[in-house]
């Protein structure tokens, strides 16, 4: 397996595990769904994207085209997580409120609520990015013996 891919997946897995541990600490609830959930602290999308960019830089150089592309993709992923997907989650909250409170609409006709935890706050994206950079640097130092 490519070291860059291994480092990126490791950053994602660490972020997902941290979500579970944070959930246990805050809500006193063990919910294994946090291991695959989107949204929440830290952003596993940001961690994955930043670890990819940093490990690309460490393997190919900070002036390489592959690092440039990985960096652009990381910024797009983080912008999407903090803005587009977060707004979708806010819309889910409003729709769920309407469905639960609008008697004439018969919300019981729908099988499930809309997903509300989709995006991230800017802090969650930043923490995910820092985690990704840290895992990328550590993994790069190990894999590429720099």
N, C-alpha and C. Protein backbone atom coordinates (compact mmCIF):
# COMPACT_ATOMS: atom_id res chain seq x y z
N UNK A 1 0.85 -1.18 0.00
CA UNK A 1 0.00 0.00 0.00
C UNK A 1 0.89 1.24 0.00
N UNK A 2 0.45 2.24 -0.70
CA UNK A 2 1.17 3.51 -0.78
C UNK A 2 1.29 4.13 0.61
N UNK A 3 2.48 4.61 0.98
CA UNK A 3 2.62 5.27 2.28
C UNK A 3 1.71 6.49 2.41
N UNK A 4 1.52 7.23 1.33
CA UNK A 4 0.65 8.41 1.38
C UNK A 4 -0.78 7.98 1.71
N UNK A 5 -1.25 6.94 1.07
CA UNK A 5 -2.60 6.43 1.34
C UNK A 5 -2.71 5.90 2.77
N UNK A 6 -1.72 5.18 3.22
CA UNK A 6 -1.73 4.64 4.58
C UNK A 6 -1.76 5.77 5.61
N UNK A 7 -0.99 6.80 5.39
CA UNK A 7 -0.96 7.96 6.30
C UNK A 7 -2.32 8.66 6.30
N UNK A 8 -2.89 8.85 5.12
CA UNK A 8 -4.20 9.53 5.02
C UNK A 8 -5.29 8.73 5.74
N UNK A 9 -5.33 7.43 5.50
CA UNK A 9 -6.34 6.58 6.15
C UNK A 9 -6.12 6.55 7.66
N UNK A 10 -4.87 6.57 8.08
CA UNK A 10 -4.57 6.61 9.52
C UNK A 10 -5.11 7.88 10.17
N UNK A 11 -4.94 9.01 9.49
CA UNK A 11 -5.46 10.28 10.03
C UNK A 11 -6.98 10.22 10.13
N UNK A 12 -7.64 9.67 9.11
CA UNK A 12 -9.10 9.53 9.14
C UNK A 12 -9.52 8.65 10.31
N UNK A 13 -8.84 7.50 10.47
CA UNK A 13 -9.20 6.56 11.54
C UNK A 13 -8.99 7.17 12.92
N UNK A 14 -7.91 7.90 13.10
CA UNK A 14 -7.66 8.56 14.38
C UNK A 14 -8.75 9.58 14.67
N UNK A 15 -9.13 10.36 13.66
CA UNK A 15 -10.20 11.36 13.85
C UNK A 15 -11.52 10.68 14.22
N UNK A 16 -11.85 9.59 13.56
CA UNK A 16 -13.10 8.88 13.87
C UNK A 16 -13.06 8.31 15.29
N UNK A 17 -11.91 7.77 15.69
CA UNK A 17 -11.78 7.25 17.05
C UNK A 17 -11.91 8.38 18.07
N UNK A 18 -11.33 9.53 17.76
CA UNK A 18 -11.45 10.69 18.66
C UNK A 18 -12.90 11.14 18.79
N UNK A 19 -13.68 11.06 17.71
CA UNK A 19 -15.11 11.39 17.78
C UNK A 19 -15.81 10.50 18.79
N UNK A 20 -15.51 9.21 18.74
CA UNK A 20 -16.11 8.26 19.68
C UNK A 20 -15.70 8.58 21.11
N UNK A 21 -14.42 8.84 21.33
CA UNK A 21 -13.94 9.14 22.68
C UNK A 21 -14.52 10.45 23.21
N UNK A 22 -14.64 11.45 22.35
CA UNK A 22 -15.24 12.73 22.75
C UNK A 22 -16.71 12.53 23.09
N UNK A 23 -17.40 11.72 22.31
CA UNK A 23 -18.80 11.42 22.58
C UNK A 23 -18.97 10.74 23.93
N UNK A 24 -18.08 9.81 24.23
CA UNK A 24 -18.13 9.12 25.53
C UNK A 24 -17.89 10.11 26.66
N UNK A 25 -16.90 10.98 26.49
CA UNK A 25 -16.56 11.95 27.53
C UNK A 25 -17.67 12.98 27.76
N UNK A 26 -18.30 13.44 26.69
CA UNK A 26 -19.30 14.51 26.82
C UNK A 26 -20.69 13.96 27.14
N UNK A 27 -21.12 12.94 26.39
CA UNK A 27 -22.50 12.45 26.53
C UNK A 27 -22.61 11.22 27.41
N UNK A 28 -21.46 10.69 27.86
CA UNK A 28 -21.45 9.49 28.69
C UNK A 28 -22.19 8.34 28.01
N UNK A 29 -21.96 8.25 26.69
CA UNK A 29 -22.66 7.26 25.88
C UNK A 29 -21.70 6.66 24.87
N UNK A 30 -21.65 5.34 24.85
CA UNK A 30 -20.83 4.63 23.87
C UNK A 30 -21.69 4.33 22.66
N UNK A 31 -21.41 5.01 21.56
CA UNK A 31 -22.18 4.82 20.33
C UNK A 31 -21.20 4.54 19.21
N UNK A 32 -21.12 3.28 18.82
CA UNK A 32 -20.15 2.84 17.81
C UNK A 32 -20.39 3.52 16.46
N UNK A 33 -21.55 4.11 16.26
CA UNK A 33 -21.84 4.81 15.01
C UNK A 33 -20.90 5.98 14.78
N UNK A 34 -20.30 6.52 15.85
CA UNK A 34 -19.35 7.62 15.70
C UNK A 34 -18.10 7.20 14.93
N UNK A 35 -17.85 5.90 14.84
CA UNK A 35 -16.67 5.44 14.11
C UNK A 35 -16.81 5.62 12.60
N UNK A 36 -18.04 5.81 12.12
CA UNK A 36 -18.25 6.03 10.69
C UNK A 36 -19.05 7.29 10.41
N UNK A 37 -19.41 8.04 11.44
CA UNK A 37 -20.28 9.21 11.27
C UNK A 37 -19.55 10.37 10.60
N UNK A 38 -20.31 11.12 9.81
CA UNK A 38 -19.78 12.39 9.29
C UNK A 38 -20.19 13.48 10.27
N UNK A 39 -19.51 14.60 10.22
CA UNK A 39 -19.80 15.68 11.15
C UNK A 39 -19.17 15.40 12.51
N UNK A 40 -19.13 16.42 13.34
CA UNK A 40 -18.60 16.27 14.69
C UNK A 40 -17.13 16.63 14.79
N UNK A 41 -16.62 16.55 16.02
CA UNK A 41 -15.24 16.94 16.35
C UNK A 41 -14.37 15.73 16.51
N UNK A 42 -13.22 15.69 15.85
CA UNK A 42 -12.71 16.59 14.82
C UNK A 42 -13.19 16.15 13.43
N UNK A 43 -12.97 16.99 12.47
CA UNK A 43 -13.36 16.67 11.10
C UNK A 43 -12.41 15.62 10.52
N UNK A 44 -12.93 14.44 10.27
CA UNK A 44 -12.10 13.40 9.66
C UNK A 44 -11.82 13.70 8.20
N UNK A 45 -12.72 14.47 7.55
CA UNK A 45 -12.47 14.89 6.17
C UNK A 45 -11.23 15.80 6.11
N UNK A 46 -11.17 16.74 7.03
CA UNK A 46 -10.02 17.65 7.07
C UNK A 46 -8.74 16.89 7.41
N UNK A 47 -8.84 15.98 8.36
CA UNK A 47 -7.66 15.20 8.74
C UNK A 47 -7.15 14.39 7.56
N UNK A 48 -8.04 13.71 6.86
CA UNK A 48 -7.67 12.90 5.70
C UNK A 48 -7.02 13.76 4.61
N UNK A 49 -7.66 14.87 4.28
CA UNK A 49 -7.17 15.72 3.20
C UNK A 49 -5.82 16.36 3.55
N UNK A 50 -5.68 16.85 4.78
CA UNK A 50 -4.42 17.49 5.18
C UNK A 50 -3.29 16.47 5.32
N UNK A 51 -3.59 15.29 5.83
CA UNK A 51 -2.56 14.26 5.92
C UNK A 51 -2.09 13.86 4.53
N UNK A 52 -3.01 13.81 3.58
CA UNK A 52 -2.64 13.49 2.20
C UNK A 52 -1.71 14.56 1.64
N UNK A 53 -2.09 15.83 1.82
CA UNK A 53 -1.28 16.93 1.28
C UNK A 53 0.11 16.95 1.90
N UNK A 54 0.18 16.82 3.22
CA UNK A 54 1.47 16.88 3.90
C UNK A 54 2.35 15.70 3.52
N UNK A 55 1.77 14.50 3.47
CA UNK A 55 2.59 13.34 3.12
C UNK A 55 3.02 13.39 1.65
N UNK A 56 2.20 13.99 0.78
CA UNK A 56 2.63 14.22 -0.61
C UNK A 56 3.83 15.15 -0.64
N UNK A 57 3.76 16.20 0.16
CA UNK A 57 4.88 17.15 0.22
C UNK A 57 6.14 16.48 0.73
N UNK A 58 5.98 15.63 1.72
CA UNK A 58 7.16 14.98 2.30
C UNK A 58 7.75 13.93 1.38
N UNK A 59 6.92 13.36 0.50
CA UNK A 59 7.46 12.35 -0.42
C UNK A 59 7.93 12.95 -1.73
N UNK A 60 7.23 13.97 -2.24
CA UNK A 60 7.55 14.52 -3.56
C UNK A 60 8.14 15.93 -3.49
N UNK A 61 8.04 16.57 -2.34
CA UNK A 61 8.57 17.92 -2.18
C UNK A 61 7.47 18.96 -2.15
N UNK A 62 7.73 20.03 -1.42
CA UNK A 62 6.76 21.11 -1.28
C UNK A 62 6.58 21.90 -2.57
N UNK A 63 7.50 21.76 -3.50
CA UNK A 63 7.37 22.46 -4.78
C UNK A 63 6.85 21.55 -5.90
N UNK A 64 6.37 20.36 -5.54
CA UNK A 64 5.89 19.41 -6.54
C UNK A 64 4.43 19.70 -6.94
N UNK A 65 4.09 19.37 -8.17
CA UNK A 65 2.70 19.52 -8.61
C UNK A 65 1.73 18.66 -7.80
N UNK A 66 2.16 17.48 -7.39
CA UNK A 66 1.27 16.60 -6.62
C UNK A 66 0.91 17.23 -5.27
N UNK A 67 1.86 17.91 -4.64
CA UNK A 67 1.55 18.62 -3.40
C UNK A 67 0.59 19.77 -3.66
N UNK A 68 0.78 20.48 -4.76
CA UNK A 68 -0.11 21.59 -5.10
C UNK A 68 -1.54 21.10 -5.29
N UNK A 69 -1.69 20.02 -6.04
CA UNK A 69 -3.03 19.47 -6.28
C UNK A 69 -3.65 18.97 -4.98
N UNK A 70 -2.87 18.25 -4.18
CA UNK A 70 -3.40 17.74 -2.91
C UNK A 70 -3.80 18.89 -1.98
N UNK A 71 -3.05 19.98 -2.00
CA UNK A 71 -3.38 21.14 -1.17
C UNK A 71 -4.68 21.81 -1.62
N UNK A 72 -4.84 21.96 -2.92
CA UNK A 72 -6.06 22.56 -3.45
C UNK A 72 -7.27 21.69 -3.08
N UNK A 73 -7.13 20.39 -3.25
CA UNK A 73 -8.23 19.48 -2.88
C UNK A 73 -8.52 19.58 -1.38
N UNK A 74 -7.48 19.68 -0.55
CA UNK A 74 -7.68 19.80 0.89
C UNK A 74 -8.46 21.07 1.23
N UNK A 75 -8.13 22.18 0.60
CA UNK A 75 -8.86 23.42 0.85
C UNK A 75 -10.32 23.31 0.41
N UNK A 76 -10.56 22.66 -0.72
CA UNK A 76 -11.94 22.47 -1.18
C UNK A 76 -12.71 21.61 -0.18
N UNK A 77 -12.11 20.53 0.27
CA UNK A 77 -12.76 19.63 1.24
C UNK A 77 -13.09 20.39 2.53
N UNK A 78 -12.14 21.18 3.02
CA UNK A 78 -12.38 21.91 4.28
C UNK A 78 -13.43 23.00 4.10
N UNK A 79 -13.41 23.69 2.98
CA UNK A 79 -14.43 24.71 2.73
C UNK A 79 -15.81 24.05 2.67
N UNK A 80 -15.91 22.95 1.95
CA UNK A 80 -17.17 22.24 1.84
C UNK A 80 -17.66 21.77 3.21
N UNK A 81 -16.77 21.22 4.01
CA UNK A 81 -17.15 20.71 5.33
C UNK A 81 -17.67 21.82 6.23
N UNK A 82 -17.04 22.98 6.17
CA UNK A 82 -17.38 24.07 7.09
C UNK A 82 -18.52 24.94 6.57
N UNK A 83 -18.81 24.90 5.29
CA UNK A 83 -19.82 25.80 4.75
C UNK A 83 -21.00 25.07 4.12
N UNK A 84 -20.76 24.36 3.04
CA UNK A 84 -21.84 23.73 2.30
C UNK A 84 -22.51 22.63 3.13
N UNK A 85 -21.72 21.68 3.65
CA UNK A 85 -22.30 20.57 4.41
C UNK A 85 -22.87 21.05 5.73
N UNK A 86 -22.28 22.06 6.34
CA UNK A 86 -22.83 22.58 7.59
C UNK A 86 -24.20 23.21 7.35
N UNK A 87 -24.32 23.95 6.27
CA UNK A 87 -25.61 24.57 5.94
C UNK A 87 -26.67 23.51 5.67
N UNK A 88 -26.29 22.42 5.03
CA UNK A 88 -27.22 21.32 4.79
C UNK A 88 -27.71 20.74 6.12
N UNK A 89 -26.83 20.64 7.09
CA UNK A 89 -27.22 20.16 8.42
C UNK A 89 -28.20 21.11 9.09
N UNK A 90 -27.97 22.41 8.94
CA UNK A 90 -28.89 23.40 9.52
C UNK A 90 -30.26 23.29 8.86
N UNK A 91 -30.29 23.06 7.57
CA UNK A 91 -31.56 22.88 6.88
C UNK A 91 -32.26 21.62 7.37
N UNK A 92 -31.49 20.57 7.65
CA UNK A 92 -32.06 19.35 8.20
C UNK A 92 -32.74 19.60 9.54
N UNK A 93 -32.15 20.44 10.38
CA UNK A 93 -32.77 20.77 11.67
C UNK A 93 -34.11 21.45 11.47
N UNK A 94 -34.17 22.40 10.54
CA UNK A 94 -35.41 23.12 10.28
C UNK A 94 -36.47 22.16 9.73
N UNK A 95 -36.07 21.32 8.78
CA UNK A 95 -37.02 20.37 8.21
C UNK A 95 -37.54 19.39 9.27
N UNK A 96 -36.66 18.92 10.14
CA UNK A 96 -37.10 18.02 11.21
C UNK A 96 -38.07 18.72 12.15
N UNK A 97 -37.81 19.98 12.47
CA UNK A 97 -38.73 20.74 13.33
C UNK A 97 -40.10 20.85 12.67
N UNK A 98 -40.11 21.19 11.39
CA UNK A 98 -41.38 21.31 10.66
C UNK A 98 -42.12 19.97 10.66
N UNK A 99 -41.40 18.90 10.38
CA UNK A 99 -42.02 17.58 10.31
C UNK A 99 -42.59 17.14 11.65
N UNK A 100 -41.95 17.51 12.75
CA UNK A 100 -42.41 17.10 14.07
C UNK A 100 -43.50 17.99 14.64
N UNK A 101 -43.70 19.16 14.05
CA UNK A 101 -44.64 20.12 14.61
C UNK A 101 -45.77 20.54 13.68
N UNK A 102 -45.78 20.07 12.51
CA UNK A 102 -46.80 20.47 11.56
C UNK A 102 -47.81 19.33 11.44
N UNK A 103 -48.84 19.41 12.26
CA UNK A 103 -49.81 18.32 12.41
C UNK A 103 -50.47 17.92 11.08
N UNK A 104 -50.80 18.86 10.27
CA UNK A 104 -51.52 18.57 9.03
C UNK A 104 -50.65 17.88 7.99
N UNK A 105 -49.34 17.96 8.15
CA UNK A 105 -48.45 17.38 7.15
C UNK A 105 -48.24 15.89 7.37
N UNK A 106 -48.67 15.40 8.52
CA UNK A 106 -48.54 13.99 8.88
C UNK A 106 -47.09 13.51 8.82
N UNK A 107 -46.24 14.01 9.69
CA UNK A 107 -44.83 13.59 9.65
C UNK A 107 -44.64 12.11 9.90
N UNK A 108 -45.63 11.44 10.49
CA UNK A 108 -45.50 10.00 10.73
C UNK A 108 -45.45 9.21 9.43
N UNK A 109 -45.81 9.84 8.31
CA UNK A 109 -45.72 9.18 7.01
C UNK A 109 -44.28 8.97 6.56
N UNK A 110 -43.35 9.66 7.21
CA UNK A 110 -41.94 9.53 6.85
C UNK A 110 -41.27 8.60 7.83
N UNK A 111 -40.40 7.74 7.31
CA UNK A 111 -39.78 6.71 8.12
C UNK A 111 -38.70 7.21 9.07
N UNK A 112 -38.01 8.27 8.70
CA UNK A 112 -36.87 8.70 9.51
C UNK A 112 -36.69 10.21 9.44
N UNK A 113 -35.93 10.71 10.40
CA UNK A 113 -35.59 12.13 10.40
C UNK A 113 -34.52 12.39 9.35
N UNK A 114 -34.43 13.65 8.93
CA UNK A 114 -33.33 14.06 8.06
C UNK A 114 -32.06 14.13 8.90
N UNK A 115 -30.93 13.83 8.30
CA UNK A 115 -29.67 13.88 9.01
C UNK A 115 -29.26 15.33 9.26
N UNK A 116 -28.96 15.65 10.50
CA UNK A 116 -28.59 17.01 10.87
C UNK A 116 -27.10 17.18 11.07
N UNK A 117 -26.42 16.13 11.50
CA UNK A 117 -24.98 16.23 11.75
C UNK A 117 -24.25 15.82 10.48
N UNK A 118 -24.09 16.78 9.58
CA UNK A 118 -23.48 16.52 8.28
C UNK A 118 -22.17 17.28 8.14
N UNK A 119 -22.19 18.54 8.48
CA UNK A 119 -21.02 19.39 8.30
C UNK A 119 -20.29 19.64 9.60
N UNK A 120 -19.43 20.64 9.56
CA UNK A 120 -18.57 20.95 10.70
C UNK A 120 -18.55 22.44 10.98
N UNK A 121 -18.27 22.76 12.23
CA UNK A 121 -18.00 24.15 12.57
C UNK A 121 -16.57 24.46 12.11
N UNK A 122 -16.24 25.73 11.96
CA UNK A 122 -14.85 26.06 11.59
C UNK A 122 -13.83 25.48 12.58
N UNK A 123 -14.15 25.43 13.86
CA UNK A 123 -13.23 24.86 14.85
C UNK A 123 -13.01 23.37 14.59
N UNK A 124 -14.07 22.65 14.28
CA UNK A 124 -13.94 21.22 13.99
C UNK A 124 -13.08 20.99 12.76
N UNK A 125 -13.23 21.83 11.75
CA UNK A 125 -12.41 21.74 10.54
C UNK A 125 -10.95 22.05 10.87
N UNK A 126 -10.73 23.08 11.67
CA UNK A 126 -9.36 23.46 12.04
C UNK A 126 -8.67 22.35 12.84
N UNK A 127 -9.38 21.76 13.80
CA UNK A 127 -8.80 20.68 14.60
C UNK A 127 -8.51 19.47 13.71
N UNK A 128 -9.42 19.16 12.80
CA UNK A 128 -9.17 18.08 11.85
C UNK A 128 -7.95 18.35 10.98
N UNK A 129 -7.81 19.60 10.55
CA UNK A 129 -6.66 19.98 9.73
C UNK A 129 -5.36 19.84 10.51
N UNK A 130 -5.35 20.30 11.75
CA UNK A 130 -4.14 20.17 12.59
C UNK A 130 -3.81 18.70 12.82
N UNK A 131 -4.84 17.90 13.09
CA UNK A 131 -4.62 16.46 13.27
C UNK A 131 -4.04 15.85 12.00
N UNK A 132 -4.58 16.21 10.85
CA UNK A 132 -4.09 15.69 9.58
C UNK A 132 -2.65 16.08 9.30
N UNK A 133 -2.32 17.33 9.58
CA UNK A 133 -0.94 17.78 9.39
C UNK A 133 0.00 17.01 10.32
N UNK A 134 -0.41 16.84 11.57
CA UNK A 134 0.43 16.13 12.54
C UNK A 134 0.65 14.68 12.11
N UNK A 135 -0.42 14.01 11.71
CA UNK A 135 -0.29 12.61 11.27
C UNK A 135 0.52 12.55 9.98
N UNK A 136 0.31 13.52 9.08
CA UNK A 136 1.06 13.56 7.83
C UNK A 136 2.56 13.73 8.07
N UNK A 137 2.91 14.63 8.97
CA UNK A 137 4.33 14.85 9.29
C UNK A 137 4.93 13.61 9.96
N UNK A 138 4.23 13.09 10.96
CA UNK A 138 4.75 11.91 11.66
C UNK A 138 4.87 10.72 10.71
N UNK A 139 3.83 10.49 9.93
CA UNK A 139 3.88 9.38 8.97
C UNK A 139 4.95 9.59 7.92
N UNK A 140 5.08 10.83 7.45
CA UNK A 140 6.10 11.13 6.46
C UNK A 140 7.51 10.91 6.99
N UNK A 141 7.73 11.30 8.22
CA UNK A 141 9.06 11.08 8.83
C UNK A 141 9.37 9.60 8.95
N UNK A 142 8.35 8.82 9.26
CA UNK A 142 8.56 7.37 9.39
C UNK A 142 8.70 6.72 8.01
N UNK A 143 7.79 7.03 7.11
CA UNK A 143 7.74 6.34 5.82
C UNK A 143 8.85 6.77 4.86
N UNK A 144 9.18 8.03 4.90
CA UNK A 144 10.13 8.54 3.91
C UNK A 144 11.51 8.82 4.51
N UNK A 145 11.68 8.53 5.79
CA UNK A 145 12.96 8.63 6.48
C UNK A 145 13.66 9.96 6.18
N UNK A 146 12.93 11.02 6.37
CA UNK A 146 13.48 12.36 6.09
C UNK A 146 14.26 12.86 7.28
